[in-house]
PDB file of N, CA and C in Angstrom:
ATOM      1  N   MET A   1      -7.790  11.038  -6.269  1.00  0.00           N
ATOM      2  CA  MET A   1      -6.707  10.069  -6.240  1.00  0.00           C
ATOM      3  C   MET A   1      -6.344   9.702  -4.801  1.00  0.00           C
ATOM      4  N   LEU A   2      -6.228  10.698  -3.926  1.00  0.00           N
ATOM      5  CA  LEU A   2      -5.851  10.413  -2.547  1.00  0.00           C
ATOM      6  C   LEU A   2      -6.923   9.602  -1.838  1.00  0.00           C
ATOM      7  N   THR A   3      -8.184   9.860  -2.143  1.00  0.00           N
ATOM      8  CA  THR A   3      -9.267   9.094  -1.533  1.00  0.00           C
ATOM      9  C   THR A   3      -9.183   7.639  -1.967  1.00  0.00           C
ATOM     10  N   ARG A   4      -8.903   7.398  -3.237  1.00  0.00           N
ATOM     11  CA  ARG A   4      -8.772   6.023  -3.732  1.00  0.00           C
ATOM     12  C   ARG A   4      -7.571   5.328  -3.095  1.00  0.00           C
ATOM     13  N   LEU A   5      -6.473   6.066  -2.937  1.00  0.00           N
ATOM     14  CA  LEU A   5      -5.292   5.495  -2.297  1.00  0.00           C
ATOM     15  C   LEU A   5      -5.595   5.176  -0.844  1.00  0.00           C
ATOM     16  N   ASN A   6      -6.265   6.084  -0.160  1.00  0.00           N
ATOM     17  CA  ASN A   6      -6.620   5.861   1.238  1.00  0.00           C
ATOM     18  C   ASN A   6      -7.527   4.643   1.372  1.00  0.00           C
ATOM     19  N   SER A   7      -8.481   4.489   0.468  1.00  0.00           N
ATOM     20  CA  SER A   7      -9.378   3.325   0.492  1.00  0.00           C
ATOM     21  C   SER A   7      -8.602   2.030   0.270  1.00  0.00           C
ATOM     22  N   ALA A   8      -7.656   2.063  -0.666  1.00  0.00           N
ATOM     23  CA  ALA A   8      -6.839   0.877  -0.933  1.00  0.00           C
ATOM     24  C   ALA A   8      -6.018   0.494   0.293  1.00  0.00           C
ATOM     25  N   ILE A   9      -5.479   1.488   0.981  1.00  0.00           N
ATOM     26  CA  ILE A   9      -4.698   1.231   2.192  1.00  0.00           C
ATOM     27  C   ILE A   9      -5.594   0.639   3.269  1.00  0.00           C
ATOM     28  N   THR A  10      -6.776   1.215   3.446  1.00  0.00           N
ATOM     29  CA  THR A  10      -7.724   0.721   4.446  1.00  0.00           C
ATOM     30  C   THR A  10      -8.092  -0.732   4.167  1.00  0.00           C
ATOM     31  N   GLU A  11      -8.328  -1.056   2.904  1.00  0.00           N
ATOM     32  CA  GLU A  11      -8.661  -2.436   2.543  1.00  0.00           C
ATOM     33  C   GLU A  11      -7.500  -3.381   2.837  1.00  0.00           C
ATOM     34  N   LEU A  12      -6.276  -2.933   2.590  1.00  0.00           N
ATOM     35  CA  LEU A  12      -5.121  -3.785   2.854  1.00  0.00           C
ATOM     36  C   LEU A  12      -4.932  -4.031   4.342  1.00  0.00           C
ATOM     37  N   LEU A  13      -5.337  -3.082   5.151  1.00  0.00           N
ATOM     38  CA  LEU A  13      -5.204  -3.246   6.593  1.00  0.00           C
ATOM     39  C   LEU A  13      -6.278  -4.178   7.152  1.00  0.00           C
ATOM     40  N   GLY A  14      -7.327  -4.414   6.381  1.00  0.00           N
ATOM     41  CA  GLY A  14      -8.406  -5.295   6.816  1.00  0.00           C
ATOM     42  C   GLY A  14      -8.040  -6.759   6.661  1.00  0.00           C
ATOM     43  N   ARG A  15      -8.850  -7.605   7.234  1.00  0.00           N
ATOM     44  CA  ARG A  15      -8.597  -9.048   7.204  1.00  0.00           C
ATOM     45  C   ARG A  15      -8.945  -9.681   5.861  1.00  0.00           C
ATOM     46  N   GLN A  16      -9.685  -8.985   5.024  1.00  0.00           N
ATOM     47  CA  GLN A  16     -10.105  -9.547   3.744  1.00  0.00           C
ATOM     48  C   GLN A  16      -9.180  -9.148   2.595  1.00  0.00           C
ATOM     49  N   ALA A  17      -7.997  -8.676   2.919  1.00  0.00           N
ATOM     50  CA  ALA A  17      -7.060  -8.240   1.884  1.00  0.00           C
ATOM     51  C   ALA A  17      -6.665  -9.418   1.001  1.00  0.00           C
ATOM     52  N   ASN A  18      -6.497  -9.145  -0.280  1.00  0.00           N
ATOM     53  CA  ASN A  18      -6.074 -10.185  -1.218  1.00  0.00           C
ATOM     54  C   ASN A  18      -5.133  -9.579  -2.248  1.00  0.00           C
ATOM     55  N   SER A  19      -4.658 -10.402  -3.156  1.00  0.00           N
ATOM     56  CA  SER A  19      -3.668  -9.920  -4.118  1.00  0.00           C
ATOM     57  C   SER A  19      -4.242  -8.859  -5.049  1.00  0.00           C
ATOM     58  N   ALA A  20      -5.523  -8.942  -5.376  1.00  0.00           N
ATOM     59  CA  ALA A  20      -6.139  -7.924  -6.242  1.00  0.00           C
ATOM     60  C   ALA A  20      -6.135  -6.566  -5.549  1.00  0.00           C
ATOM     61  N   LYS A  21      -6.430  -6.559  -4.265  1.00  0.00           N
ATOM     62  CA  LYS A  21      -6.420  -5.300  -3.517  1.00  0.00           C
ATOM     63  C   LYS A  21      -5.000  -4.756  -3.407  1.00  0.00           C
ATOM     64  N   PHE A  22      -4.036  -5.651  -3.231  1.00  0.00           N
ATOM     65  CA  PHE A  22      -2.652  -5.213  -3.176  1.00  0.00           C
ATOM     66  C   PHE A  22      -2.222  -4.627  -4.514  1.00  0.00           C
ATOM     67  N   CYS A  23      -2.607  -5.273  -5.601  1.00  0.00           N
ATOM     68  CA  CYS A  23      -2.267  -4.759  -6.937  1.00  0.00           C
ATOM     69  C   CYS A  23      -2.866  -3.375  -7.153  1.00  0.00           C
ATOM     70  N   GLU A  24      -4.086  -3.171  -6.675  1.00  0.00           N
ATOM     71  CA  GLU A  24      -4.724  -1.853  -6.778  1.00  0.00           C
ATOM     72  C   GLU A  24      -3.925  -0.818  -5.985  1.00  0.00           C
ATOM     73  N   PHE A  25      -3.469  -1.198  -4.786  1.00  0.00           N
ATOM     74  CA  PHE A  25      -2.658  -0.306  -3.965  1.00  0.00           C
ATOM     75  C   PHE A  25      -1.368   0.069  -4.695  1.00  0.00           C
ATOM     76  N   VAL A  26      -0.691  -0.926  -5.266  1.00  0.00           N
ATOM     77  CA  VAL A  26       0.557  -0.664  -5.988  1.00  0.00           C
ATOM     78  C   VAL A  26       0.287   0.248  -7.177  1.00  0.00           C
ATOM     79  N   LYS A  27      -0.786  -0.037  -7.917  1.00  0.00           N
ATOM     80  CA  LYS A  27      -1.139   0.780  -9.085  1.00  0.00           C
ATOM     81  C   LYS A  27      -1.394   2.231  -8.674  1.00  0.00           C
ATOM     82  N   LEU A  28      -2.167   2.417  -7.622  1.00  0.00           N
ATOM     83  CA  LEU A  28      -2.465   3.775  -7.167  1.00  0.00           C
ATOM     84  C   LEU A  28      -1.211   4.470  -6.654  1.00  0.00           C
ATOM     85  N   SER A  29      -0.366   3.742  -5.933  1.00  0.00           N
ATOM     86  CA  SER A  29       0.854   4.373  -5.422  1.00  0.00           C
ATOM     87  C   SER A  29       1.778   4.761  -6.571  1.00  0.00           C
ATOM     88  N   MET A  30       1.765   3.983  -7.660  1.00  0.00           N
ATOM     89  CA  MET A  30       2.574   4.324  -8.832  1.00  0.00           C
ATOM     90  C   MET A  30       1.997   5.538  -9.558  1.00  0.00           C
ATOM     91  N   GLU A  31       0.672   5.654  -9.608  1.00  0.00           N
ATOM     92  CA  GLU A  31       0.049   6.808 -10.253  1.00  0.00           C
ATOM     93  C   GLU A  31       0.369   8.091  -9.496  1.00  0.00           C
ATOM     94  N   VAL A  32       0.400   7.994  -8.173  1.00  0.00           N
ATOM     95  CA  VAL A  32       0.684   9.163  -7.346  1.00  0.00           C
ATOM     96  C   VAL A  32       2.167   9.502  -7.390  1.00  0.00           C
ATOM     97  N   LYS A  33       2.975   8.500  -7.687  1.00  0.00           N
ATOM     98  CA  LYS A  33       4.433   8.627  -7.600  1.00  0.00           C
ATOM     99  C   LYS A  33       4.999   9.632  -8.594  1.00  0.00           C
ATOM    100  N   CYS A  34       5.816  10.499  -8.079  1.00  0.00           N
ATOM    101  CA  CYS A  34       6.703  11.355  -8.867  1.00  0.00           C
ATOM    102  C   CYS A  34       8.009  11.260  -8.102  1.00  0.00           C
ATOM    103  N   ASP A  35       8.890  10.425  -8.542  1.00  0.00           N
ATOM    104  CA  ASP A  35      10.077  10.021  -7.798  1.00  0.00           C
ATOM    105  C   ASP A  35       9.612   9.323  -6.526  1.00  0.00           C
ATOM    106  N   HIS A  36       9.804   9.959  -5.375  1.00  0.00           N
ATOM    107  CA  HIS A  36       9.412   9.325  -4.119  1.00  0.00           C
ATOM    108  C   HIS A  36       8.228  10.043  -3.473  1.00  0.00           C
ATOM    109  N   SER A  37       7.491  10.814  -4.251  1.00  0.00           N
ATOM    110  CA  SER A  37       6.396  11.582  -3.655  1.00  0.00           C
ATOM    111  C   SER A  37       5.251  10.703  -3.171  1.00  0.00           C
ATOM    112  N   TRP A  38       5.155   9.442  -3.679  1.00  0.00           N
ATOM    113  CA  TRP A  38       4.091   8.568  -3.180  1.00  0.00           C
ATOM    114  C   TRP A  38       4.235   8.356  -1.688  1.00  0.00           C
ATOM    115  N   LEU A  39       5.488   8.351  -1.192  1.00  0.00           N
ATOM    116  CA  LEU A  39       5.721   8.181   0.237  1.00  0.00           C
ATOM    117  C   LEU A  39       5.147   9.362   1.007  1.00  0.00           C
ATOM    118  N   ASP A  40       5.318  10.574   0.469  1.00  0.00           N
ATOM    119  CA  ASP A  40       4.734  11.756   1.102  1.00  0.00           C
ATOM    120  C   ASP A  40       3.218  11.665   1.127  1.00  0.00           C
ATOM    121  N   VAL A  41       2.636  11.178   0.038  1.00  0.00           N
ATOM    122  CA  VAL A  41       1.180  11.029  -0.023  1.00  0.00           C
ATOM    123  C   VAL A  41       0.720  10.005   1.007  1.00  0.00           C
ATOM    124  N   LEU A  42       1.439   8.896   1.097  1.00  0.00           N
ATOM    125  CA  LEU A  42       1.099   7.864   2.070  1.00  0.00           C
ATOM    126  C   LEU A  42       1.182   8.416   3.487  1.00  0.00           C
ATOM    127  N   LYS A  43       2.233   9.185   3.763  1.00  0.00           N
ATOM    128  CA  LYS A  43       2.385   9.782   5.098  1.00  0.00           C
ATOM    129  C   LYS A  43       1.246  10.742   5.401  1.00  0.00           C
ATOM    130  N   LYS A  44       0.916  11.598   4.434  1.00  0.00           N
ATOM    131  CA  LYS A  44      -0.153  12.574   4.655  1.00  0.00           C
ATOM    132  C   LYS A  44      -1.511  11.897   4.781  1.00  0.00           C
ATOM    133  N   THR A  45      -1.739  10.877   3.953  1.00  0.00           N
ATOM    134  CA  THR A  45      -3.020  10.185   3.980  1.00  0.00           C
ATOM    135  C   THR A  45      -3.259   9.522   5.331  1.00  0.00           C
ATOM    136  N   LEU A  46      -2.231   8.866   5.850  1.00  0.00           N
ATOM    137  CA  LEU A  46      -2.365   8.142   7.115  1.00  0.00           C
ATOM    138  C   LEU A  46      -1.892   8.937   8.319  1.00  0.00           C
ATOM    139  N   ARG A  47      -1.308  10.107   8.061  1.00  0.00           N
ATOM    140  CA  ARG A  47      -0.748  10.954   9.119  1.00  0.00           C
ATOM    141  C   ARG A  47       0.285  10.190   9.943  1.00  0.00           C
ATOM    142  N   ILE A  48       1.265   9.643   9.222  1.00  0.00           N
ATOM    143  CA  ILE A  48       2.334   8.884   9.861  1.00  0.00           C
ATOM    144  C   ILE A  48       3.691   9.433   9.431  1.00  0.00           C
ATOM    145  N   LYS A  49       4.740   8.957  10.089  1.00  0.00           N
ATOM    146  CA  LYS A  49       6.098   9.415   9.805  1.00  0.00           C
ATOM    147  C   LYS A  49       6.732   8.582   8.699  1.00  0.00           C
ATOM    148  N   ASP A  50       7.893   9.056   8.198  1.00  0.00           N
ATOM    149  CA  ASP A  50       8.633   8.369   7.127  1.00  0.00           C
ATOM    150  C   ASP A  50       8.834   6.889   7.409  1.00  0.00           C
ATOM    151  N   ASN A  51       9.449   6.603   8.559  1.00  0.00           N
ATOM    152  CA  ASN A  51       9.785   5.209   8.848  1.00  0.00           C
ATOM    153  C   ASN A  51       8.540   4.342   8.981  1.00  0.00           C
ATOM    154  N   GLU A  52       7.438   4.897   9.479  1.00  0.00           N
ATOM    155  CA  GLU A  52       6.198   4.127   9.585  1.00  0.00           C
ATOM    156  C   GLU A  52       5.619   3.832   8.204  1.00  0.00           C
ATOM    157  N   ALA A  53       5.681   4.800   7.302  1.00  0.00           N
ATOM    158  CA  ALA A  53       5.172   4.601   5.940  1.00  0.00           C
ATOM    159  C   ALA A  53       5.998   3.552   5.209  1.00  0.00           C
ATOM    160  N   ILE A  54       7.302   3.604   5.360  1.00  0.00           N
ATOM    161  CA  ILE A  54       8.173   2.626   4.712  1.00  0.00           C
ATOM    162  C   ILE A  54       7.914   1.233   5.271  1.00  0.00           C
ATOM    163  N   ARG A  55       7.808   1.129   6.598  1.00  0.00           N
ATOM    164  CA  ARG A  55       7.531  -0.181   7.204  1.00  0.00           C
ATOM    165  C   ARG A  55       6.196  -0.734   6.734  1.00  0.00           C
ATOM    166  N   LEU A  56       5.193   0.125   6.632  1.00  0.00           N
ATOM    167  CA  LEU A  56       3.874  -0.309   6.181  1.00  0.00           C
ATOM    168  C   LEU A  56       3.939  -0.834   4.751  1.00  0.00           C
ATOM    169  N   TYR A  57       4.610  -0.113   3.875  1.00  0.00           N
ATOM    170  CA  TYR A  57       4.727  -0.541   2.480  1.00  0.00           C
ATOM    171  C   TYR A  57       5.489  -1.863   2.376  1.00  0.00           C
ATOM    172  N   VAL A  58       6.590  -1.983   3.109  1.00  0.00           N
ATOM    173  CA  VAL A  58       7.374  -3.218   3.098  1.00  0.00           C
ATOM    174  C   VAL A  58       6.550  -4.374   3.666  1.00  0.00           C
ATOM    175  N   HIS A  59       5.790  -4.098   4.710  1.00  0.00           N
ATOM    176  CA  HIS A  59       4.910  -5.120   5.283  1.00  0.00           C
ATOM    177  C   HIS A  59       3.949  -5.639   4.222  1.00  0.00           C
ATOM    178  N   PHE A  60       3.327  -4.734   3.466  1.00  0.00           N
ATOM    179  CA  PHE A  60       2.410  -5.143   2.405  1.00  0.00           C
ATOM    180  C   PHE A  60       3.129  -5.998   1.364  1.00  0.00           C
ATOM    181  N   LEU A  61       4.328  -5.576   0.976  1.00  0.00           N
ATOM    182  CA  LEU A  61       5.080  -6.326  -0.033  1.00  0.00           C
ATOM    183  C   LEU A  61       5.361  -7.755   0.417  1.00  0.00           C
ATOM    184  N   PHE A  62       5.858  -7.908   1.651  1.00  0.00           N
ATOM    185  CA  PHE A  62       6.172  -9.243   2.149  1.00  0.00           C
ATOM    186  C   PHE A  62       4.917 -10.072   2.380  1.00  0.00           C
ATOM    187  N   ARG A  63       3.893  -9.439   2.912  1.00  0.00           N
ATOM    188  CA  ARG A  63       2.651 -10.157   3.191  1.00  0.00           C
ATOM    189  C   ARG A  63       2.077 -10.779   1.913  1.00  0.00           C
ATOM    190  N   PHE A  64       2.046 -10.015   0.860  1.00  0.00           N
ATOM    191  CA  PHE A  64       1.434 -10.510  -0.360  1.00  0.00           C
ATOM    192  C   PHE A  64       2.381 -11.337  -1.218  1.00  0.00           C
ATOM    193  N   ARG A  65       3.662 -11.168  -1.047  1.00  0.00           N
ATOM    194  CA  ARG A  65       4.590 -12.092  -1.698  1.00  0.00           C
ATOM    195  C   ARG A  65       4.384 -13.480  -1.106  1.00  0.00           C
ATOM    196  N   ASN A  66       4.289 -13.544   0.220  1.00  0.00           N
ATOM    197  CA  ASN A  66       4.046 -14.820   0.890  1.00  0.00           C
ATOM    198  C   ASN A  66       2.688 -15.389   0.501  1.00  0.00           C
ATOM    199  N   TYR A  67       1.699 -14.533   0.380  1.00  0.00           N
ATOM    200  CA  TYR A  67       0.361 -14.968  -0.029  1.00  0.00           C
ATOM    201  C   TYR A  67       0.407 -15.585  -1.426  1.00  0.00           C
ATOM    202  N   MET A  68       1.099 -14.921  -2.341  1.00  0.00           N
ATOM    203  CA  MET A  68       1.178 -15.413  -3.715  1.00  0.00           C
ATOM    204  C   MET A  68       1.963 -16.729  -3.783  1.00  0.00           C
ATOM    205  N   GLU A  69       3.028 -16.850  -2.995  1.00  0.00           N
ATOM    206  CA  GLU A  69       3.795 -18.094  -2.972  1.00  0.00           C
ATOM    207  C   GLU A  69       2.949 -19.242  -2.438  1.00  0.00           C
ATOM    208  N   ALA A  70       2.109 -18.968  -1.455  1.00  0.00           N
ATOM    209  CA  ALA A  70       1.250 -20.000  -0.873  1.00  0.00           C
ATOM    210  C   ALA A  70       0.190 -20.466  -1.871  1.00  0.00           C
ATOM    211  N   GLN A  71      -0.188 -19.592  -2.802  1.00  0.00           N
ATOM    212  CA  GLN A  71      -1.202 -19.937  -3.795  1.00  0.00           C
ATOM    213  C   GLN A  71      -0.662 -20.850  -4.884  1.00  0.00           C
ATOM    214  N   MET A  72       0.659 -20.908  -5.025  1.00  0.00           N
ATOM    215  CA  MET A  72       1.271 -21.715  -6.096  1.00  0.00           C
ATOM    216  C   MET A  72       1.363 -23.173  -5.713  1.00  0.00           C
TER     217      MET A  72
END
């Protein structure tokens, strides 16, 4: 599970990220989630701090919300 989550994160950080990859990331983060434990997994996977993990997740949310709005 962590390897799949790490791969999804890596793909989102790449230039070829799309809404399908973002959906996969959200799905995997929800599978890992037990309350807020997905954040711990994200931190451990990327070896980052709380605030960096939160900023990264929020960045993904806004990036792909804007992407989806542009597609409409």
